[in-house]
Every structure is written in C-alpha cells, then in structure tokens.
Amino acid sequence: LKHGRICMLASLGCLVQEVVHLPSEATSNPVASEAFFQVPAGGLWQIFTVIGIIEHVSNGFNMSGETMFKSGRAAGDLGFDPLNFGKNPTARARYELAEIKNGRLAMLGFSG
C-alpha cells in the first residue's frame, strides 16, 4: 500500500512539474528524470535520510517483515482517518480495494 500511495503522489508530481515551476533557473526543468540529476548530492542525501527516519519511526523501529506488524497493525493502517471513511465496514472494504487498484495503476503509470 505504501508504494502505491507514493506512486500516486509521484505520478501527480510529474504532471504538476510540467506546469508549475519555482522562480529559479535550477528548478525550471519540466522533465522529471532530468531534474532529478540537477539536485546536488548533499540535497539527495538529506532527502534519503529524512525518508529513512520517517520509515523507522512509522514502523516503530521494526524493519524486518517478521517484526513490523507484531503489534497487530494492518498494512497501510496508520490510524489517520480524519473524515471517518472507515466507520462503515462495507465502504471501507470498497475504499481499500480502490486504493490498491489505483496504487497498482499509478505504479505502472509512473514507471513509464
């Protein structure tokens, strides 16, 4: 689920990047694959470090497949439902299936 969510955001980001630009010459490249290589190495290390910290904290520092869900938490359930979409079990199952399908489609779309 997490990779599908990331690819949904990445697909949206690729489309938005072609239209919206920051006012700097360094950020004016509309092609995502070329713009990635314009980022300095120090900036990439900062991004990867922050992503690693978020992964460790969100999984309770349990990074193996055997220990990641030992608390009983379901995959993708981060306890964030501000609009209470998960109250109705039938609707929740439908939303979960739609999220999986859209995530898979986004993975294919983002890959090329």
C-alpha atoms as a PDB file:
ATOM      1  CA  LEU A   1       0.000   0.000   0.000  1.00  0.00           C
ATOM      2  CA  LYS A   2       2.773   2.400   0.862  1.00  0.00           C
ATOM      3  CA  HIS A   3       4.439   2.074  -2.530  1.00  0.00           C
ATOM      4  CA  GLY A   4       1.112   2.585  -4.271  1.00  0.00           C
ATOM      5  CA  ARG A   5       0.480   5.757  -2.276  1.00  0.00           C
ATOM      6  CA  ILE A   6       3.940   7.051  -3.096  1.00  0.00           C
ATOM      7  CA  CYS A   7       3.474   6.316  -6.810  1.00  0.00           C
ATOM      8  CA  MET A   8       0.101   8.087  -6.809  1.00  0.00           C
ATOM      9  CA  LEU A   9       1.809  11.192  -5.423  1.00  0.00           C
ATOM     10  CA  ALA A  10       4.772  10.775  -7.791  1.00  0.00           C
ATOM     11  CA  SER A  11       2.511  10.492 -10.840  1.00  0.00           C
ATOM     12  CA  LEU A  12       0.711  13.651  -9.804  1.00  0.00           C
ATOM     13  CA  GLY A  13       4.053  15.347  -9.175  1.00  0.00           C
ATOM     14  CA  CYS A  14       5.303  14.522 -12.674  1.00  0.00           C
ATOM     15  CA  LEU A  15       2.231  16.121 -14.205  1.00  0.00           C
ATOM     16  CA  VAL A  16       2.329  19.204 -11.986  1.00  0.00           C
ATOM     17  CA  GLN A  17       6.071  19.661 -12.564  1.00  0.00           C
ATOM     18  CA  GLU A  18       5.456  20.284 -16.260  1.00  0.00           C
ATOM     19  CA  VAL A  19       3.205  23.268 -15.484  1.00  0.00           C
ATOM     20  CA  VAL A  20       4.275  24.745 -12.134  1.00  0.00           C
ATOM     21  CA  HIS A  21       7.865  25.948 -11.614  1.00  0.00           C
ATOM     22  CA  LEU A  22       9.696  27.674  -8.829  1.00  0.00           C
ATOM     23  CA  PRO A  23      11.203  31.001  -9.907  1.00  0.00           C
ATOM     24  CA  SER A  24      14.774  29.701 -10.027  1.00  0.00           C
ATOM     25  CA  GLU A  25      16.768  28.598 -13.079  1.00  0.00           C
ATOM     26  CA  ALA A  26      17.827  25.433 -11.220  1.00  0.00           C
ATOM     27  CA  THR A  27      14.189  24.358 -10.791  1.00  0.00           C
ATOM     28  CA  SER A  28      12.914  25.171 -14.261  1.00  0.00           C
ATOM     29  CA  ASN A  29      13.419  21.758 -15.905  1.00  0.00           C
ATOM     30  CA  PRO A  30       9.988  20.241 -16.700  1.00  0.00           C
ATOM     31  CA  VAL A  31      11.358  16.706 -17.292  1.00  0.00           C
ATOM     32  CA  ALA A  32      11.371  14.782 -14.005  1.00  0.00           C
ATOM     33  CA  SER A  33      14.136  12.331 -14.939  1.00  0.00           C
ATOM     34  CA  GLU A  34      16.468  15.191 -15.894  1.00  0.00           C
ATOM     35  CA  ALA A  35      15.501  17.369 -12.933  1.00  0.00           C
ATOM     36  CA  PHE A  36      16.497  14.587 -10.514  1.00  0.00           C
ATOM     37  CA  PHE A  37      20.123  14.874 -11.642  1.00  0.00           C
ATOM     38  CA  GLN A  38      20.149  18.638 -11.165  1.00  0.00           C
ATOM     39  CA  VAL A  39      19.755  18.229  -7.403  1.00  0.00           C
ATOM     40  CA  PRO A  40      23.120  18.446  -5.590  1.00  0.00           C
ATOM     41  CA  ALA A  41      24.373  15.254  -3.916  1.00  0.00           C
ATOM     42  CA  GLY A  42      24.032  16.811  -0.465  1.00  0.00           C
ATOM     43  CA  GLY A  43      20.357  17.549  -1.117  1.00  0.00           C
ATOM     44  CA  LEU A  44      19.696  13.968  -2.198  1.00  0.00           C
ATOM     45  CA  TRP A  45      21.354  12.631   0.949  1.00  0.00           C
ATOM     46  CA  GLN A  46      19.142  14.907   3.050  1.00  0.00           C
ATOM     47  CA  ILE A  47      16.028  13.622   1.281  1.00  0.00           C
ATOM     48  CA  PHE A  48      17.033   9.963   1.679  1.00  0.00           C
ATOM     49  CA  THR A  49      17.927  10.489   5.349  1.00  0.00           C
ATOM     50  CA  VAL A  50      14.562  12.083   6.131  1.00  0.00           C
ATOM     51  CA  ILE A  51      12.737   9.295   4.284  1.00  0.00           C
ATOM     52  CA  GLY A  52      14.698   6.708   6.290  1.00  0.00           C
ATOM     53  CA  ILE A  53      13.862   8.413   9.584  1.00  0.00           C
ATOM     54  CA  ILE A  54      10.165   8.561   8.671  1.00  0.00           C
ATOM     55  CA  GLU A  55      10.195   4.849   7.750  1.00  0.00           C
ATOM     56  CA  HIS A  56      11.861   3.853  11.004  1.00  0.00           C
ATOM     57  CA  VAL A  57       9.575   5.967  13.188  1.00  0.00           C
ATOM     58  CA  SER A  58       6.356   4.936  11.409  1.00  0.00           C
ATOM     59  CA  ASN A  59       7.249   1.245  11.820  1.00  0.00           C
ATOM     60  CA  GLY A  60       8.327   1.568  15.450  1.00  0.00           C
ATOM     61  CA  PHE A  61      11.949   0.779  14.513  1.00  0.00           C
ATOM     62  CA  ASN A  62      10.859  -2.746  13.487  1.00  0.00           C
ATOM     63  CA  MET A  63      12.183  -3.039   9.948  1.00  0.00           C
ATOM     64  CA  SER A  64      12.002  -6.764   9.245  1.00  0.00           C
ATOM     65  CA  GLY A  65       8.934  -8.423   7.793  1.00  0.00           C
ATOM     66  CA  GLU A  66       8.608 -10.635  10.864  1.00  0.00           C
ATOM     67  CA  THR A  67       8.569  -7.847  13.432  1.00  0.00           C
ATOM     68  CA  MET A  68       6.995  -4.945  11.528  1.00  0.00           C
ATOM     69  CA  PHE A  69       3.387  -5.927  12.271  1.00  0.00           C
ATOM     70  CA  LYS A  70       3.821  -7.716  15.602  1.00  0.00           C
ATOM     71  CA  SER A  71       1.626  -5.090  17.289  1.00  0.00           C
ATOM     72  CA  GLY A  72      -1.364  -6.247  15.227  1.00  0.00           C
ATOM     73  CA  ARG A  73      -1.456  -3.195  12.965  1.00  0.00           C
ATOM     74  CA  ALA A  74      -2.714  -3.937   9.453  1.00  0.00           C
ATOM     75  CA  ALA A  75      -0.565  -2.968   6.499  1.00  0.00           C
ATOM     76  CA  GLY A  76      -1.311   0.605   5.442  1.00  0.00           C
ATOM     77  CA  ASP A  77      -3.324   1.399   8.580  1.00  0.00           C
ATOM     78  CA  LEU A  78      -1.574   4.360  10.157  1.00  0.00           C
ATOM     79  CA  GLY A  79      -4.556   5.407  12.281  1.00  0.00           C
ATOM     80  CA  PHE A  80      -5.222   8.510  10.177  1.00  0.00           C
ATOM     81  CA  ASP A  81      -8.871   8.825   9.156  1.00  0.00           C
ATOM     82  CA  PRO A  82      -9.939  12.450   9.707  1.00  0.00           C
ATOM     83  CA  LEU A  83     -13.081  12.148   7.540  1.00  0.00           C
ATOM     84  CA  ASN A  84     -14.222   8.859   9.176  1.00  0.00           C
ATOM     85  CA  PHE A  85     -14.347   6.918   5.914  1.00  0.00           C
ATOM     86  CA  GLY A  86     -13.566   3.716   7.826  1.00  0.00           C
ATOM     87  CA  LYS A  87     -16.642   3.686  10.065  1.00  0.00           C
ATOM     88  CA  ASN A  88     -18.756   1.686   7.610  1.00  0.00           C
ATOM     89  CA  PRO A  89     -17.058  -1.729   7.065  1.00  0.00           C
ATOM     90  CA  THR A  90     -18.593  -2.204   3.610  1.00  0.00           C
ATOM     91  CA  ALA A  91     -17.466   1.205   2.406  1.00  0.00           C
ATOM     92  CA  ARG A  92     -14.042   0.696   3.992  1.00  0.00           C
ATOM     93  CA  ALA A  93     -13.540  -2.569   2.084  1.00  0.00           C
ATOM     94  CA  ARG A  94     -14.550  -0.818  -1.149  1.00  0.00           C
ATOM     95  CA  TYR A  95     -12.147   2.080  -0.489  1.00  0.00           C
ATOM     96  CA  GLU A  96      -9.296  -0.301   0.354  1.00  0.00           C
ATOM     97  CA  LEU A  97      -9.814  -2.220  -2.892  1.00  0.00           C
ATOM     98  CA  ALA A  98      -9.980   1.028  -4.873  1.00  0.00           C
ATOM     99  CA  GLU A  99      -6.757   2.221  -3.213  1.00  0.00           C
ATOM    100  CA  ILE A 100      -4.952  -0.995  -4.119  1.00  0.00           C
ATOM    101  CA  LYS A 101      -6.151  -0.842  -7.736  1.00  0.00           C
ATOM    102  CA  ASN A 102      -5.300   2.850  -8.119  1.00  0.00           C
ATOM    103  CA  GLY A 103      -1.916   2.275  -6.477  1.00  0.00           C
ATOM    104  CA  ARG A 104      -1.098  -0.503  -8.919  1.00  0.00           C
ATOM    105  CA  LEU A 105      -2.147   1.661 -11.841  1.00  0.00           C
ATOM    106  CA  ALA A 106      -0.014   4.535 -10.512  1.00  0.00           C
ATOM    107  CA  MET A 107       2.986   2.203 -10.236  1.00  0.00           C
ATOM    108  CA  LEU A 108       2.591   1.283 -13.905  1.00  0.00           C
ATOM    109  CA  GLY A 109       1.999   4.895 -14.909  1.00  0.00           C
ATOM    110  CA  PHE A 110       4.995   6.216 -13.005  1.00  0.00           C
ATOM    111  CA  SER A 111       7.317   3.508 -14.289  1.00  0.00           C
ATOM    112  CA  GLY A 112       6.921   4.670 -17.810  1.00  0.00           C
END
